[in-house]
N, C-alpha and C. Protein backbone atom coordinates (compact mmCIF):
# COMPACT_ATOMS: atom_id res chain seq x y z
N MET A 1 8.06 -22.58 6.85
CA MET A 1 8.60 -21.81 5.83
C MET A 1 7.68 -20.75 6.23
N SER A 2 8.17 -19.50 6.00
CA SER A 2 7.73 -18.11 5.95
C SER A 2 7.01 -17.66 4.70
N THR A 3 6.00 -16.60 4.67
CA THR A 3 5.25 -16.32 3.77
C THR A 3 6.43 -14.73 3.53
N VAL A 4 6.46 -14.45 2.34
CA VAL A 4 6.92 -12.86 2.47
C VAL A 4 5.97 -12.30 1.22
N ARG A 5 6.14 -10.57 1.39
CA ARG A 5 5.60 -9.69 0.66
C ARG A 5 6.65 -9.00 0.11
N LEU A 6 6.70 -8.76 -1.13
CA LEU A 6 7.77 -8.12 -1.77
C LEU A 6 7.34 -7.16 -2.68
N THR A 7 7.70 -5.90 -3.02
CA THR A 7 7.33 -4.92 -3.59
C THR A 7 8.09 -3.97 -4.48
N LYS A 8 7.65 -3.83 -5.50
CA LYS A 8 8.75 -3.05 -6.65
C LYS A 8 7.77 -1.95 -7.13
N GLU A 9 8.39 -0.87 -7.04
CA GLU A 9 7.93 0.31 -7.56
C GLU A 9 8.32 1.00 -8.95
N PHE A 10 7.27 1.26 -9.97
CA PHE A 10 7.28 1.15 -11.15
C PHE A 10 6.55 2.90 -11.29
N HIS A 11 7.27 3.54 -12.31
CA HIS A 11 6.84 5.42 -12.65
C HIS A 11 6.67 5.18 -14.32
N PHE A 12 5.54 6.05 -14.70
CA PHE A 12 5.27 6.63 -16.03
C PHE A 12 4.77 7.71 -16.30
N GLU A 13 4.43 8.03 -17.58
CA GLU A 13 3.69 9.51 -17.16
C GLU A 13 2.30 8.89 -18.87
N MET A 14 1.41 9.56 -18.02
CA MET A 14 0.21 8.99 -19.01
C MET A 14 -0.44 10.56 -19.35
N ALA A 15 -1.16 10.51 -20.11
CA ALA A 15 -2.13 11.72 -20.62
C ALA A 15 -3.72 11.03 -20.71
N HIS A 16 -4.68 11.60 -20.31
CA HIS A 16 -5.58 10.80 -20.61
C HIS A 16 -6.83 11.98 -20.26
N LEU A 17 -8.34 11.76 -20.71
CA LEU A 17 -9.05 12.70 -20.03
C LEU A 17 -10.64 11.57 -19.70
N LEU A 18 -11.35 12.45 -19.23
CA LEU A 18 -12.61 11.39 -18.51
C LEU A 18 -13.94 11.84 -19.46
N TRP A 19 -14.11 11.03 -20.44
CA TRP A 19 -15.70 11.37 -21.11
C TRP A 19 -16.64 11.72 -20.15
N ASN A 20 -17.50 12.70 -20.43
CA ASN A 20 -18.73 12.87 -19.88
C ASN A 20 -18.79 13.10 -18.29
N TYR A 21 -17.23 13.74 -18.07
CA TYR A 21 -16.99 13.77 -16.52
C TYR A 21 -17.45 15.43 -16.48
N ASP A 22 -18.09 15.80 -15.13
CA ASP A 22 -18.66 16.85 -14.64
C ASP A 22 -17.36 18.02 -14.04
N GLY A 23 -16.04 17.91 -14.33
CA GLY A 23 -15.21 18.69 -13.78
C GLY A 23 -13.89 19.01 -14.56
N PRO A 24 -13.07 19.16 -14.17
CA PRO A 24 -11.87 19.87 -15.36
C PRO A 24 -11.42 18.46 -16.10
N CYS A 25 -11.47 17.40 -15.34
CA CYS A 25 -10.65 16.11 -15.69
C CYS A 25 -11.32 15.81 -17.32
N LYS A 26 -12.64 16.38 -17.64
CA LYS A 26 -12.78 15.77 -18.64
C LYS A 26 -12.00 16.56 -19.84
N ASN A 27 -10.88 17.32 -19.30
CA ASN A 27 -10.03 17.98 -20.47
C ASN A 27 -8.66 16.91 -20.57
N ILE A 28 -8.37 17.09 -21.74
CA ILE A 28 -6.74 16.18 -21.76
C ILE A 28 -6.05 16.86 -20.66
N HIS A 29 -5.28 16.00 -20.08
CA HIS A 29 -4.11 16.63 -18.68
C HIS A 29 -3.32 14.99 -18.82
N GLY A 30 -2.04 15.10 -18.16
CA GLY A 30 -1.42 14.35 -17.95
C GLY A 30 -1.13 14.00 -16.37
N HIS A 31 -0.67 12.86 -16.09
CA HIS A 31 0.25 12.82 -14.75
C HIS A 31 1.35 12.07 -14.55
N SER A 32 2.03 11.85 -13.60
CA SER A 32 3.11 11.22 -13.30
C SER A 32 2.66 10.07 -12.46
N TYR A 33 2.24 9.04 -12.82
CA TYR A 33 2.09 7.66 -12.35
C TYR A 33 3.28 7.23 -11.39
N LYS A 34 2.84 6.43 -10.12
CA LYS A 34 3.52 5.48 -9.43
C LYS A 34 2.90 4.47 -9.32
N LEU A 35 3.55 3.22 -9.60
CA LEU A 35 2.52 2.09 -9.36
C LEU A 35 3.45 1.08 -8.64
N PHE A 36 2.79 0.49 -7.26
CA PHE A 36 3.31 -0.51 -6.38
C PHE A 36 3.11 -1.62 -6.60
N VAL A 37 3.40 -2.63 -6.67
CA VAL A 37 3.26 -3.72 -7.32
C VAL A 37 3.78 -4.75 -5.94
N THR A 38 2.94 -5.47 -5.21
CA THR A 38 3.15 -6.43 -4.50
C THR A 38 2.67 -8.06 -4.34
N VAL A 39 3.88 -8.77 -4.38
CA VAL A 39 3.45 -10.11 -4.54
C VAL A 39 3.63 -10.91 -3.15
N ILE A 40 2.93 -12.14 -3.16
CA ILE A 40 3.35 -12.70 -1.97
C ILE A 40 3.79 -14.27 -2.16
N GLY A 41 4.57 -15.24 -1.16
CA GLY A 41 4.84 -16.13 -1.40
C GLY A 41 6.03 -16.69 -0.56
N GLN A 42 6.03 -17.94 -0.42
CA GLN A 42 7.44 -18.57 0.08
C GLN A 42 8.39 -18.18 -0.82
N PRO A 43 9.67 -17.82 -0.03
CA PRO A 43 10.87 -17.74 -0.99
C PRO A 43 11.33 -19.16 -1.33
N ILE A 44 12.13 -19.41 -2.34
CA ILE A 44 13.05 -20.17 -2.82
C ILE A 44 13.55 -21.00 -1.67
N ASP A 45 13.46 -22.54 -1.56
CA ASP A 45 13.93 -23.38 -0.58
C ASP A 45 15.26 -24.07 -1.05
N ASP A 46 15.22 -24.23 -2.09
CA ASP A 46 16.31 -25.08 -2.96
C ASP A 46 17.66 -24.57 -3.07
N ILE A 47 18.78 -24.97 -2.35
CA ILE A 47 19.80 -24.28 -1.97
C ILE A 47 20.50 -24.54 -3.76
N SER A 48 19.96 -25.44 -4.50
CA SER A 48 20.67 -25.73 -5.53
C SER A 48 20.14 -24.79 -6.68
N ASN A 49 18.83 -24.10 -6.34
CA ASN A 49 18.32 -23.17 -7.57
C ASN A 49 19.03 -21.93 -7.31
N PRO A 50 19.64 -21.38 -8.72
CA PRO A 50 20.21 -20.09 -8.39
C PRO A 50 19.30 -18.59 -7.89
N LYS A 51 18.45 -18.90 -7.97
CA LYS A 51 17.54 -17.89 -7.15
C LYS A 51 17.06 -18.11 -5.61
N TYR A 52 17.87 -18.90 -4.84
CA TYR A 52 17.67 -19.76 -3.58
C TYR A 52 17.55 -18.12 -2.60
N GLY A 53 16.54 -18.24 -1.57
CA GLY A 53 15.99 -17.20 -0.70
C GLY A 53 15.00 -16.29 -1.21
N MET A 54 15.09 -16.22 -2.65
CA MET A 54 14.09 -15.27 -3.31
C MET A 54 12.91 -15.76 -3.32
N LEU A 55 12.05 -14.32 -3.35
CA LEU A 55 10.61 -15.09 -3.77
C LEU A 55 10.54 -15.24 -4.99
N ILE A 56 11.21 -13.70 -5.77
CA ILE A 56 10.88 -13.55 -7.37
C ILE A 56 11.99 -12.62 -7.54
N ASP A 57 12.79 -13.04 -8.56
CA ASP A 57 14.21 -11.58 -8.53
C ASP A 57 13.49 -10.37 -9.41
N PHE A 58 13.42 -9.91 -8.52
CA PHE A 58 13.01 -8.18 -9.14
C PHE A 58 12.99 -7.94 -10.41
N THR A 59 14.42 -8.36 -11.20
CA THR A 59 14.29 -8.02 -12.39
C THR A 59 12.92 -8.96 -13.19
N ASP A 60 12.94 -10.32 -12.74
CA ASP A 60 11.41 -10.59 -13.71
C ASP A 60 10.52 -10.36 -13.10
N LEU A 61 10.00 -9.58 -11.88
CA LEU A 61 9.10 -8.76 -11.49
C LEU A 61 9.06 -7.48 -12.57
N LYS A 62 10.26 -6.96 -12.83
CA LYS A 62 10.28 -5.65 -13.26
C LYS A 62 9.73 -6.20 -15.11
N ASN A 63 9.99 -6.94 -15.50
CA ASN A 63 10.16 -7.23 -16.91
C ASN A 63 8.66 -7.77 -17.06
N ILE A 64 8.16 -8.35 -16.43
CA ILE A 64 6.43 -8.68 -16.02
C ILE A 64 5.73 -7.52 -16.40
N VAL A 65 5.78 -6.61 -15.36
CA VAL A 65 5.00 -5.35 -15.42
C VAL A 65 5.30 -4.08 -16.39
N ASN A 66 6.73 -4.35 -17.08
CA ASN A 66 6.87 -3.38 -17.96
C ASN A 66 7.11 -3.73 -19.34
N SER A 67 6.67 -5.20 -19.24
CA SER A 67 5.84 -5.98 -20.73
C SER A 67 4.19 -5.69 -20.91
N LYS A 68 3.48 -5.79 -19.41
CA LYS A 68 2.25 -5.45 -19.81
C LYS A 68 1.84 -4.53 -19.56
N ILE A 69 2.38 -3.25 -18.81
CA ILE A 69 1.82 -2.07 -18.23
C ILE A 69 2.55 -0.81 -18.63
N THR A 70 4.14 -1.06 -18.18
CA THR A 70 4.76 0.54 -18.37
C THR A 70 5.18 0.79 -19.53
N SER A 71 5.45 -0.43 -20.66
CA SER A 71 5.68 0.09 -21.84
C SER A 71 4.92 0.27 -22.39
N LEU A 72 3.77 0.05 -22.48
CA LEU A 72 2.37 0.35 -23.12
C LEU A 72 1.76 1.62 -23.00
N PHE A 73 1.68 1.51 -21.58
CA PHE A 73 1.00 2.83 -20.94
C PHE A 73 1.93 4.48 -20.86
N ASP A 74 3.19 4.15 -21.00
CA ASP A 74 4.07 5.39 -20.70
C ASP A 74 4.40 5.66 -21.90
N HIS A 75 3.65 7.60 -21.56
CA HIS A 75 3.91 8.61 -22.68
C HIS A 75 2.64 8.32 -23.44
N ALA A 76 1.52 7.59 -23.18
CA ALA A 76 0.48 7.36 -23.89
C ALA A 76 -0.65 8.42 -24.12
N PHE A 77 -1.48 8.72 -24.83
CA PHE A 77 -2.69 9.16 -24.29
C PHE A 77 -3.84 8.06 -24.47
N VAL A 78 -4.56 7.97 -23.11
CA VAL A 78 -5.50 7.23 -23.12
C VAL A 78 -7.00 7.41 -23.00
N LEU A 79 -7.60 6.81 -23.44
CA LEU A 79 -9.31 7.42 -23.42
C LEU A 79 -10.26 6.13 -23.71
N MET A 80 -11.28 6.56 -23.09
CA MET A 80 -12.31 5.29 -22.88
C MET A 80 -12.71 5.28 -24.57
N LYS A 81 -13.31 4.07 -25.38
CA LYS A 81 -13.55 4.03 -26.57
C LYS A 81 -15.19 4.69 -26.54
N ASN A 82 -15.03 5.35 -28.04
CA ASN A 82 -16.27 6.48 -27.73
C ASN A 82 -16.44 6.94 -28.77
N LYS A 83 -17.75 6.75 -29.63
CA LYS A 83 -18.08 7.35 -30.93
C LYS A 83 -17.55 8.81 -31.18
N GLU A 84 -17.94 9.60 -29.83
CA GLU A 84 -17.62 11.01 -30.52
C GLU A 84 -15.87 11.23 -30.81
N PHE A 85 -15.29 10.44 -30.28
CA PHE A 85 -13.73 10.63 -30.27
C PHE A 85 -13.28 9.88 -31.35
N GLU A 86 -13.98 9.22 -31.86
CA GLU A 86 -12.94 8.08 -33.04
C GLU A 86 -12.64 9.27 -34.11
N SER A 87 -13.62 10.08 -34.77
CA SER A 87 -13.14 10.59 -36.31
C SER A 87 -11.93 12.06 -35.81
N VAL A 88 -11.83 12.07 -34.44
CA VAL A 88 -10.79 13.30 -34.07
C VAL A 88 -9.63 12.43 -33.61
N ILE A 89 -9.72 11.41 -33.07
CA ILE A 89 -8.53 10.92 -32.69
C ILE A 89 -7.67 9.80 -33.62
N GLU A 90 -8.58 8.99 -34.40
CA GLU A 90 -7.70 7.79 -34.99
C GLU A 90 -7.11 8.19 -36.69
N ASN A 91 -7.48 9.82 -36.99
CA ASN A 91 -7.08 10.30 -37.89
C ASN A 91 -6.40 11.28 -37.81
N ASN A 92 -5.85 11.53 -36.51
CA ASN A 92 -5.12 13.01 -36.34
C ASN A 92 -4.06 12.21 -35.75
N LYS A 93 -2.65 12.67 -36.32
CA LYS A 93 -0.99 12.50 -35.84
C LYS A 93 -0.78 13.33 -34.49
N ILE A 94 -1.68 13.90 -34.30
CA ILE A 94 -1.11 14.59 -33.00
C ILE A 94 -1.33 13.52 -31.71
N PHE A 95 -1.90 12.61 -31.95
CA PHE A 95 -2.30 12.10 -30.92
C PHE A 95 -1.28 10.53 -31.61
N GLY A 96 -0.12 10.48 -31.32
CA GLY A 96 0.50 9.21 -31.48
C GLY A 96 0.26 8.19 -31.02
N LYS A 97 0.80 8.20 -30.11
CA LYS A 97 0.48 6.84 -29.00
C LYS A 97 -0.60 7.06 -28.19
N LYS A 98 -1.51 5.92 -28.93
CA LYS A 98 -2.82 6.22 -27.78
C LYS A 98 -3.22 4.73 -27.74
N ILE A 99 -3.99 4.53 -26.55
CA ILE A 99 -4.92 3.41 -26.08
C ILE A 99 -6.32 3.91 -25.97
N ILE A 100 -6.97 3.08 -26.63
CA ILE A 100 -8.60 3.09 -26.71
C ILE A 100 -8.86 1.76 -25.58
N LEU A 101 -9.90 2.03 -24.59
CA LEU A 101 -10.17 1.30 -23.65
C LEU A 101 -11.64 0.93 -23.38
N ASP A 102 -11.82 -0.17 -23.49
CA ASP A 102 -13.14 -0.27 -23.08
C ASP A 102 -13.86 0.17 -21.90
N TYR A 103 -13.50 1.04 -21.01
CA TYR A 103 -13.68 1.74 -19.58
C TYR A 103 -13.05 2.79 -19.33
N GLN A 104 -13.76 3.61 -18.84
CA GLN A 104 -13.33 5.11 -18.25
C GLN A 104 -12.06 5.07 -17.90
N PRO A 105 -10.95 5.63 -18.07
CA PRO A 105 -9.47 5.52 -17.68
C PRO A 105 -9.23 6.39 -16.18
N THR A 106 -10.24 5.70 -15.25
CA THR A 106 -9.73 6.58 -13.87
C THR A 106 -8.82 5.40 -12.84
N SER A 107 -8.03 5.93 -11.88
CA SER A 107 -7.35 5.25 -11.29
C SER A 107 -8.16 4.16 -11.06
N GLU A 108 -9.15 4.06 -10.61
CA GLU A 108 -9.76 2.71 -9.91
C GLU A 108 -9.80 1.64 -11.13
N ASN A 109 -10.18 2.00 -12.35
CA ASN A 109 -10.58 1.19 -13.37
C ASN A 109 -8.82 0.65 -13.92
N LEU A 110 -8.12 1.80 -13.88
CA LEU A 110 -6.30 1.16 -14.01
C LEU A 110 -5.88 0.45 -13.28
N VAL A 111 -6.40 0.58 -11.94
CA VAL A 111 -5.50 -0.48 -11.15
C VAL A 111 -6.31 -2.13 -11.25
N ILE A 112 -7.45 -2.01 -11.62
CA ILE A 112 -8.36 -3.43 -11.55
C ILE A 112 -7.86 -3.95 -12.97
N ASP A 113 -7.41 -2.86 -13.76
CA ASP A 113 -7.23 -3.85 -15.32
C ASP A 113 -5.56 -3.98 -14.94
N PHE A 114 -4.90 -3.56 -14.37
CA PHE A 114 -3.53 -3.81 -14.29
C PHE A 114 -3.21 -4.81 -13.04
N ALA A 115 -3.88 -5.57 -12.27
CA ALA A 115 -4.04 -6.50 -11.56
C ALA A 115 -4.38 -7.82 -12.38
N ASN A 116 -5.41 -7.69 -13.35
CA ASN A 116 -5.68 -8.51 -14.25
C ASN A 116 -4.26 -8.88 -15.27
N LYS A 117 -3.75 -7.76 -15.37
CA LYS A 117 -2.67 -7.95 -16.48
C LYS A 117 -1.25 -8.76 -16.02
N ILE A 118 -1.26 -8.59 -14.66
CA ILE A 118 0.03 -9.17 -13.98
C ILE A 118 -0.25 -10.31 -13.42
N LYS A 119 -1.39 -10.81 -12.88
CA LYS A 119 -1.72 -12.08 -12.49
C LYS A 119 -1.60 -13.02 -13.14
N PRO A 120 -2.17 -13.21 -14.26
CA PRO A 120 -1.55 -14.54 -15.34
C PRO A 120 0.10 -14.35 -15.55
N ASN A 121 1.01 -13.97 -15.21
CA ASN A 121 2.03 -13.64 -16.04
C ASN A 121 3.39 -14.21 -14.76
N LEU A 122 2.21 -14.02 -13.66
CA LEU A 122 3.13 -14.42 -12.43
C LEU A 122 3.88 -15.98 -12.19
N PRO A 123 4.85 -16.73 -12.08
CA PRO A 123 4.92 -17.70 -11.70
C PRO A 123 4.12 -18.60 -10.71
N GLU A 124 3.65 -19.60 -10.97
CA GLU A 124 2.80 -20.38 -10.02
C GLU A 124 2.53 -20.32 -8.61
N ASN A 125 4.00 -20.23 -8.11
CA ASN A 125 3.79 -20.43 -6.90
C ASN A 125 4.25 -18.72 -6.03
N ILE A 126 3.59 -17.68 -6.66
CA ILE A 126 3.64 -16.29 -6.58
C ILE A 126 1.98 -15.74 -6.65
N LYS A 127 1.56 -15.32 -5.99
CA LYS A 127 0.29 -14.51 -6.01
C LYS A 127 0.58 -13.16 -5.61
N LEU A 128 0.01 -12.25 -6.57
CA LEU A 128 -0.09 -10.87 -6.25
C LEU A 128 -1.06 -10.46 -5.16
N HIS A 129 -0.37 -10.09 -4.43
CA HIS A 129 -0.65 -9.51 -3.05
C HIS A 129 -2.00 -8.08 -3.33
N SER A 130 -1.36 -7.15 -4.15
CA SER A 130 -1.86 -5.68 -4.06
C SER A 130 -1.28 -4.86 -5.03
N LEU A 131 -1.93 -3.64 -5.53
CA LEU A 131 -1.37 -2.77 -5.92
C LEU A 131 -1.84 -1.20 -5.73
N LYS A 132 -0.88 -0.71 -5.87
CA LYS A 132 -1.19 0.93 -5.40
C LYS A 132 -0.76 1.51 -6.59
N LEU A 133 -1.81 2.27 -6.90
CA LEU A 133 -1.36 3.40 -7.94
C LEU A 133 -1.83 4.98 -7.85
N TYR A 134 -0.75 5.62 -7.60
CA TYR A 134 -0.68 6.75 -7.44
C TYR A 134 -0.74 7.83 -8.81
N GLU A 135 -1.92 8.65 -8.74
CA GLU A 135 -1.96 9.21 -10.15
C GLU A 135 -1.34 10.72 -9.93
N THR A 136 -1.90 11.60 -8.55
CA THR A 136 -0.77 12.32 -8.01
C THR A 136 0.08 11.91 -6.95
N ALA A 137 0.85 13.03 -6.13
CA ALA A 137 1.64 12.95 -4.96
C ALA A 137 0.87 12.55 -4.04
N THR A 138 -0.34 12.76 -4.06
CA THR A 138 -1.40 12.77 -2.84
C THR A 138 -2.86 11.86 -3.13
N SER A 139 -2.81 11.54 -4.37
CA SER A 139 -4.42 10.36 -4.52
C SER A 139 -3.68 9.22 -5.32
N PHE A 140 -4.51 8.35 -4.77
CA PHE A 140 -4.10 6.84 -5.15
C PHE A 140 -5.30 5.94 -5.24
N ALA A 141 -5.68 4.87 -5.86
CA ALA A 141 -6.43 3.65 -5.92
C ALA A 141 -5.38 2.81 -5.10
N GLU A 142 -6.12 1.67 -4.88
CA GLU A 142 -5.54 0.40 -4.26
C GLU A 142 -6.30 -1.04 -4.85
N TRP A 143 -5.74 -1.98 -4.93
CA TRP A 143 -6.59 -3.34 -5.40
C TRP A 143 -5.77 -4.34 -4.48
N PHE A 144 -6.69 -4.95 -3.47
CA PHE A 144 -6.09 -6.45 -2.96
C PHE A 144 -6.69 -7.57 -3.18
N ALA A 145 -5.99 -8.32 -3.14
CA ALA A 145 -6.16 -9.87 -3.91
C ALA A 145 -7.58 -10.51 -3.08
N GLU A 146 -6.93 -10.10 -1.62
CA GLU A 146 -8.06 -10.40 -0.53
C GLU A 146 -9.50 -9.95 -0.68
N ASP A 147 -9.70 -9.00 -1.51
CA ASP A 147 -10.87 -8.43 -1.40
C ASP A 147 -11.90 -8.33 -2.69
N ASN A 148 -10.69 -9.18 -3.84
CA ASN A 148 -11.31 -9.73 -4.95
C ASN A 148 -11.48 -11.22 -5.03
N GLU A 149 -11.29 -12.01 -4.23
CA GLU A 149 -11.30 -14.04 -4.12
C GLU A 149 -12.72 -13.78 -4.44
């Protein structure tokens, strides 16, 4: 039986700021993110299984990623938990959909968090191989399982 890698691409819009950063990203700004999710495993070899020949149904992978990442982060304002932000953010209706994280919302930290959200939700015969998160058209962060074992 051969091992196969399968990749699905996702898109979402997100605003954030980087607290205490020494550049323009200290200001509220947004990105059009692209997330590539690659899983690895062996296609189903049981001819009686309706998913015969598939590693995972693209719809099943889409449902996992949408429920754990894209539906939460899409059109959200994301920032790190910080006492300086609390009074401004918590009681201000202008910041409708917000996510307060325990970490700085850099591409590097987001891709690690996304890997941790996806891995436990995959079927047991499928492993997360890698993630690639584009913050801009030319800048991305990658996570590989082999680097994190």
